[in-house]
Amino acid sequence: MQRLKRDEAHTVSFILNGEPRRAACEPRTLLSDHLRHGLGATGTHVGCEHGVCGACTVLIDGVAGRACMTLAVQVDGRNVDTVEGLAGREGELNDLQRAFRRNHALQCGFCTAGILMSCQDYLGRNPDPSEQEVRDMLSGHLCRCTGYTNIVKAVLETAAERRAALRGAG
């Protein structure tokens, strides 16, 4: 394990939303701060800074993780996906984002980015979730606006659409 000097900036290189990125930061810099302030990926929000609210959720090597609990140097050489990476190259929303819009699954939108990233990871691991399973997964997020009902609808709708697309392709 490489030992980092606390007062020196270190170059961190990783793939951000499919694009190689490289920037210097101090060893104590949180991934959430590095993304927002160092790289301009402001879709990752910071709420509680304790890993409780889920607003900062990103995918690290395809797995949901809290950017406010991860040091930027920990993602050196890895893949990081943020909410900005869900949309296509031309800005078209992905299926999950479209379902959120159709189902009015957001209010103020502050927590939405983190919820979307957790849902993206979850649907990749569980393509046919029950309502209770979705609610359990969402229990790792705090949202003061939506009441979660429309988020659950959007996730279940996306899961059904993805399953139907797989059946149609097969």
C-alpha atoms as a PDB file:
ATOM      1  CA  MET A   1       0.000   0.000   0.000  1.00  0.00           C
ATOM      2  CA  GLN A   2       1.338   3.386  -0.984  1.00  0.00           C
ATOM      3  CA  ARG A   3       1.750   5.831   1.880  1.00  0.00           C
ATOM      4  CA  LEU A   4       0.643   9.351   0.982  1.00  0.00           C
ATOM      5  CA  LYS A   5       2.075  12.484   2.511  1.00  0.00           C
ATOM      6  CA  ARG A   6      -0.716  14.472   4.072  1.00  0.00           C
ATOM      7  CA  ASP A   7       0.360  17.913   2.890  1.00  0.00           C
ATOM      8  CA  GLU A   8       1.137  17.003  -0.708  1.00  0.00           C
ATOM      9  CA  ALA A   9      -1.266  16.967  -3.613  1.00  0.00           C
ATOM     10  CA  HIS A  10      -1.499  13.619  -5.397  1.00  0.00           C
ATOM     11  CA  THR A  11      -2.654  13.044  -8.933  1.00  0.00           C
ATOM     12  CA  VAL A  12      -5.729  10.860  -9.105  1.00  0.00           C
ATOM     13  CA  SER A  13      -6.562   9.255 -12.451  1.00  0.00           C
ATOM     14  CA  PHE A  14      -9.829   7.455 -13.058  1.00  0.00           C
ATOM     15  CA  ILE A  15     -12.593   7.010 -15.583  1.00  0.00           C
ATOM     16  CA  LEU A  16     -15.461   9.422 -14.894  1.00  0.00           C
ATOM     17  CA  ASN A  17     -18.645   8.650 -16.806  1.00  0.00           C
ATOM     18  CA  GLY A  18     -16.642   6.859 -19.471  1.00  0.00           C
ATOM     19  CA  GLU A  19     -14.011   9.582 -19.879  1.00  0.00           C
ATOM     20  CA  PRO A  20     -10.457   9.470 -18.488  1.00  0.00           C
ATOM     21  CA  ARG A  21      -9.952  12.203 -15.893  1.00  0.00           C
ATOM     22  CA  ARG A  22      -6.864  13.238 -14.017  1.00  0.00           C
ATOM     23  CA  ALA A  23      -6.541  15.877 -11.320  1.00  0.00           C
ATOM     24  CA  ALA A  24      -4.511  16.587  -8.234  1.00  0.00           C
ATOM     25  CA  CYS A  25      -5.968  16.610  -4.746  1.00  0.00           C
ATOM     26  CA  GLU A  26      -4.857  16.289  -1.152  1.00  0.00           C
ATOM     27  CA  PRO A  27      -5.095  12.805   0.391  1.00  0.00           C
ATOM     28  CA  ARG A  28      -7.872  13.979   2.724  1.00  0.00           C
ATOM     29  CA  THR A  29     -10.096  15.243  -0.117  1.00  0.00           C
ATOM     30  CA  LEU A  30     -13.446  13.480  -0.229  1.00  0.00           C
ATOM     31  CA  LEU A  31     -14.574  12.079  -3.553  1.00  0.00           C
ATOM     32  CA  SER A  32     -17.710  14.219  -3.364  1.00  0.00           C
ATOM     33  CA  ASP A  33     -15.601  17.381  -3.077  1.00  0.00           C
ATOM     34  CA  HIS A  34     -13.172  16.238  -5.773  1.00  0.00           C
ATOM     35  CA  LEU A  35     -16.037  15.540  -8.168  1.00  0.00           C
ATOM     36  CA  ARG A  36     -17.856  18.803  -7.477  1.00  0.00           C
ATOM     37  CA  HIS A  37     -15.026  21.274  -6.967  1.00  0.00           C
ATOM     38  CA  GLY A  38     -12.097  19.620  -8.691  1.00  0.00           C
ATOM     39  CA  LEU A  39     -13.821  18.218 -11.764  1.00  0.00           C
ATOM     40  CA  GLY A  40     -17.067  20.196 -12.043  1.00  0.00           C
ATOM     41  CA  ALA A  41     -19.357  17.148 -11.748  1.00  0.00           C
ATOM     42  CA  THR A  42     -21.897  19.019  -9.646  1.00  0.00           C
ATOM     43  CA  GLY A  43     -24.699  16.466 -10.040  1.00  0.00           C
ATOM     44  CA  THR A  44     -23.291  14.644  -7.029  1.00  0.00           C
ATOM     45  CA  HIS A  45     -24.858  16.428  -4.079  1.00  0.00           C
ATOM     46  CA  VAL A  46     -23.620  16.613  -0.522  1.00  0.00           C
ATOM     47  CA  GLY A  47     -26.245  16.466   2.195  1.00  0.00           C
ATOM     48  CA  CYS A  48     -25.325  15.024   5.557  1.00  0.00           C
ATOM     49  CA  GLU A  49     -21.591  14.363   5.045  1.00  0.00           C
ATOM     50  CA  HIS A  50     -22.005  11.266   7.244  1.00  0.00           C
ATOM     51  CA  GLY A  51     -23.070   8.700   4.621  1.00  0.00           C
ATOM     52  CA  VAL A  52     -26.646   8.638   5.908  1.00  0.00           C
ATOM     53  CA  CYS A  53     -28.740  10.631   3.419  1.00  0.00           C
ATOM     54  CA  GLY A  54     -27.544   9.068   0.153  1.00  0.00           C
ATOM     55  CA  ALA A  55     -27.503  12.322  -1.844  1.00  0.00           C
ATOM     56  CA  CYS A  56     -23.846  11.753  -2.760  1.00  0.00           C
ATOM     57  CA  THR A  57     -24.286   8.206  -4.095  1.00  0.00           C
ATOM     58  CA  VAL A  58     -22.169   7.375  -7.140  1.00  0.00           C
ATOM     59  CA  LEU A  59     -21.190   4.103  -8.773  1.00  0.00           C
ATOM     60  CA  ILE A  60     -17.624   2.975  -8.144  1.00  0.00           C
ATOM     61  CA  ASP A  61     -16.727   0.113 -10.461  1.00  0.00           C
ATOM     62  CA  GLY A  62     -20.473  -0.349 -10.965  1.00  0.00           C
ATOM     63  CA  VAL A  63     -21.388  -0.542  -7.278  1.00  0.00           C
ATOM     64  CA  ALA A  64     -23.266   2.195  -5.409  1.00  0.00           C
ATOM     65  CA  GLY A  65     -21.130   3.980  -2.838  1.00  0.00           C
ATOM     66  CA  ARG A  66     -21.201   7.174  -0.828  1.00  0.00           C
ATOM     67  CA  ALA A  67     -18.886   9.810  -2.283  1.00  0.00           C
ATOM     68  CA  CYS A  68     -18.865  11.699   1.020  1.00  0.00           C
ATOM     69  CA  MET A  69     -17.374   8.648   2.761  1.00  0.00           C
ATOM     70  CA  THR A  70     -14.790   7.862   0.079  1.00  0.00           C
ATOM     71  CA  LEU A  71     -11.472   9.600  -0.325  1.00  0.00           C
ATOM     72  CA  ALA A  72     -10.715  10.747  -3.862  1.00  0.00           C
ATOM     73  CA  VAL A  73      -7.384   8.891  -3.796  1.00  0.00           C
ATOM     74  CA  GLN A  74      -9.312   5.636  -3.245  1.00  0.00           C
ATOM     75  CA  VAL A  75     -10.750   5.769  -6.769  1.00  0.00           C
ATOM     76  CA  ASP A  76      -7.369   6.049  -8.497  1.00  0.00           C
ATOM     77  CA  GLY A  77      -7.456   3.645 -11.448  1.00  0.00           C
ATOM     78  CA  ARG A  78     -11.159   2.876 -11.051  1.00  0.00           C
ATOM     79  CA  ASN A  79     -14.412   3.697 -12.836  1.00  0.00           C
ATOM     80  CA  VAL A  80     -16.743   6.267 -11.305  1.00  0.00           C
ATOM     81  CA  ASP A  81     -20.194   7.040 -12.666  1.00  0.00           C
ATOM     82  CA  THR A  82     -22.265  10.003 -11.529  1.00  0.00           C
ATOM     83  CA  VAL A  83     -25.762  11.091 -12.435  1.00  0.00           C
ATOM     84  CA  GLU A  84     -24.294  13.069 -15.344  1.00  0.00           C
ATOM     85  CA  GLY A  85     -23.276   9.735 -16.874  1.00  0.00           C
ATOM     86  CA  LEU A  86     -26.796   8.282 -16.923  1.00  0.00           C
ATOM     87  CA  ALA A  87     -27.939  10.465 -19.810  1.00  0.00           C
ATOM     88  CA  GLY A  88     -26.745   9.768 -23.332  1.00  0.00           C
ATOM     89  CA  ARG A  89     -24.057  11.761 -25.120  1.00  0.00           C
ATOM     90  CA  GLU A  90     -26.620  14.188 -26.506  1.00  0.00           C
ATOM     91  CA  GLY A  91     -28.269  14.644 -23.110  1.00  0.00           C
ATOM     92  CA  GLU A  92     -31.182  12.291 -23.713  1.00  0.00           C
ATOM     93  CA  LEU A  93     -32.447  10.824 -20.446  1.00  0.00           C
ATOM     94  CA  ASN A  94     -32.009   7.114 -19.814  1.00  0.00           C
ATOM     95  CA  ASP A  95     -34.988   4.862 -19.135  1.00  0.00           C
ATOM     96  CA  LEU A  96     -34.819   5.262 -15.358  1.00  0.00           C
ATOM     97  CA  GLN A  97     -34.646   9.054 -15.586  1.00  0.00           C
ATOM     98  CA  ARG A  98     -37.598   9.084 -18.002  1.00  0.00           C
ATOM     99  CA  ALA A  99     -39.614   6.917 -15.587  1.00  0.00           C
ATOM    100  CA  PHE A 100     -38.803   9.328 -12.756  1.00  0.00           C
ATOM    101  CA  ARG A 101     -40.076  12.195 -14.893  1.00  0.00           C
ATOM    102  CA  ARG A 102     -43.237  10.339 -15.978  1.00  0.00           C
ATOM    103  CA  ASN A 103     -44.066   9.326 -12.416  1.00  0.00           C
ATOM    104  CA  HIS A 104     -43.233  12.688 -10.826  1.00  0.00           C
ATOM    105  CA  ALA A 105     -40.680  10.862  -8.670  1.00  0.00           C
ATOM    106  CA  LEU A 106     -38.935  14.012  -7.541  1.00  0.00           C
ATOM    107  CA  GLN A 107     -39.833  17.294  -6.010  1.00  0.00           C
ATOM    108  CA  CYS A 108     -36.949  19.624  -5.222  1.00  0.00           C
ATOM    109  CA  GLY A 109     -34.480  17.227  -6.867  1.00  0.00           C
ATOM    110  CA  PHE A 110     -31.683  17.519  -4.310  1.00  0.00           C
ATOM    111  CA  CYS A 111     -31.670  13.834  -3.384  1.00  0.00           C
ATOM    112  CA  THR A 112     -32.676  12.591  -6.840  1.00  0.00           C
ATOM    113  CA  ALA A 113     -29.159  12.147  -8.232  1.00  0.00           C
ATOM    114  CA  GLY A 114     -28.138   9.801  -5.434  1.00  0.00           C
ATOM    115  CA  ILE A 115     -31.411   7.900  -5.582  1.00  0.00           C
ATOM    116  CA  LEU A 116     -31.049   7.434  -9.334  1.00  0.00           C
ATOM    117  CA  MET A 117     -27.545   6.038  -8.906  1.00  0.00           C
ATOM    118  CA  SER A 118     -28.658   3.581  -6.221  1.00  0.00           C
ATOM    119  CA  CYS A 119     -31.605   2.498  -8.359  1.00  0.00           C
ATOM    120  CA  GLN A 120     -29.365   2.018 -11.394  1.00  0.00           C
ATOM    121  CA  ASP A 121     -27.064  -0.252  -9.370  1.00  0.00           C
ATOM    122  CA  TYR A 122     -29.959  -2.084  -7.734  1.00  0.00           C
ATOM    123  CA  LEU A 123     -31.808  -2.830 -10.972  1.00  0.00           C
ATOM    124  CA  GLY A 124     -28.593  -4.208 -12.411  1.00  0.00           C
ATOM    125  CA  ARG A 125     -28.431  -6.698  -9.539  1.00  0.00           C
ATOM    126  CA  ASN A 126     -32.173  -7.325  -9.138  1.00  0.00           C
ATOM    127  CA  PRO A 127     -34.040  -6.971 -12.447  1.00  0.00           C
ATOM    128  CA  ASP A 128     -37.376  -8.135 -10.983  1.00  0.00           C
ATOM    129  CA  PRO A 129     -37.773  -6.495  -7.569  1.00  0.00           C
ATOM    130  CA  SER A 130     -40.936  -6.485  -5.484  1.00  0.00           C
ATOM    131  CA  GLU A 131     -42.350  -3.244  -4.152  1.00  0.00           C
ATOM    132  CA  GLN A 132     -41.053  -4.096  -0.680  1.00  0.00           C
ATOM    133  CA  GLU A 133     -37.566  -4.818  -2.017  1.00  0.00           C
ATOM    134  CA  VAL A 134     -37.486  -1.413  -3.724  1.00  0.00           C
ATOM    135  CA  ARG A 135     -38.671   0.257  -0.527  1.00  0.00           C
ATOM    136  CA  ASP A 136     -35.970  -1.556   1.441  1.00  0.00           C
ATOM    137  CA  MET A 137     -33.318  -0.394  -1.028  1.00  0.00           C
ATOM    138  CA  LEU A 138     -34.599   3.169  -0.805  1.00  0.00           C
ATOM    139  CA  SER A 139     -34.351   3.108   2.984  1.00  0.00           C
ATOM    140  CA  GLY A 140     -30.720   4.151   2.498  1.00  0.00           C
ATOM    141  CA  HIS A 141     -31.901   7.536   1.217  1.00  0.00           C
ATOM    142  CA  LEU A 142     -33.497  10.467   2.948  1.00  0.00           C
ATOM    143  CA  CYS A 143     -35.939  12.543   0.964  1.00  0.00           C
ATOM    144  CA  ARG A 144     -38.121  15.138   2.614  1.00  0.00           C
ATOM    145  CA  CYS A 145     -40.292  15.856  -0.424  1.00  0.00           C
ATOM    146  CA  THR A 146     -41.594  12.814  -2.286  1.00  0.00           C
ATOM    147  CA  GLY A 147     -42.873  10.309   0.234  1.00  0.00           C
ATOM    148  CA  TYR A 148     -41.157   7.646  -1.936  1.00  0.00           C
ATOM    149  CA  THR A 149     -44.369   6.283  -3.519  1.00  0.00           C
ATOM    150  CA  ASN A 150     -43.683   7.745  -6.951  1.00  0.00           C
ATOM    151  CA  ILE A 151     -40.022   6.725  -6.776  1.00  0.00           C
ATOM    152  CA  VAL A 152     -41.099   3.126  -6.130  1.00  0.00           C
ATOM    153  CA  LYS A 153     -43.503   3.325  -9.085  1.00  0.00           C
ATOM    154  CA  ALA A 154     -40.739   4.626 -11.355  1.00  0.00           C
ATOM    155  CA  VAL A 155     -38.285   1.891 -10.323  1.00  0.00           C
ATOM    156  CA  LEU A 156     -40.855  -0.883 -10.768  1.00  0.00           C
ATOM    157  CA  GLU A 157     -41.891   0.552 -14.149  1.00  0.00           C
ATOM    158  CA  THR A 158     -38.270   0.672 -15.303  1.00  0.00           C
ATOM    159  CA  ALA A 159     -37.686  -2.901 -14.163  1.00  0.00           C
ATOM    160  CA  ALA A 160     -40.759  -4.080 -16.085  1.00  0.00           C
ATOM    161  CA  GLU A 161     -39.698  -2.179 -19.219  1.00  0.00           C
ATOM    162  CA  ARG A 162     -36.189  -3.628 -19.076  1.00  0.00           C
ATOM    163  CA  ARG A 163     -37.523  -7.161 -18.652  1.00  0.00           C
ATOM    164  CA  ALA A 164     -39.905  -6.664 -21.582  1.00  0.00           C
ATOM    165  CA  ALA A 165     -37.051  -5.355 -23.741  1.00  0.00           C
ATOM    166  CA  LEU A 166     -34.966  -8.430 -22.903  1.00  0.00           C
ATOM    167  CA  ARG A 167     -37.855 -10.736 -23.831  1.00  0.00           C
ATOM    168  CA  GLY A 168     -38.328  -8.850 -27.098  1.00  0.00           C
ATOM    169  CA  ALA A 169     -34.644  -9.079 -27.936  1.00  0.00           C
ATOM    170  CA  GLY A 170     -34.499 -12.808 -27.264  1.00  0.00           C
END
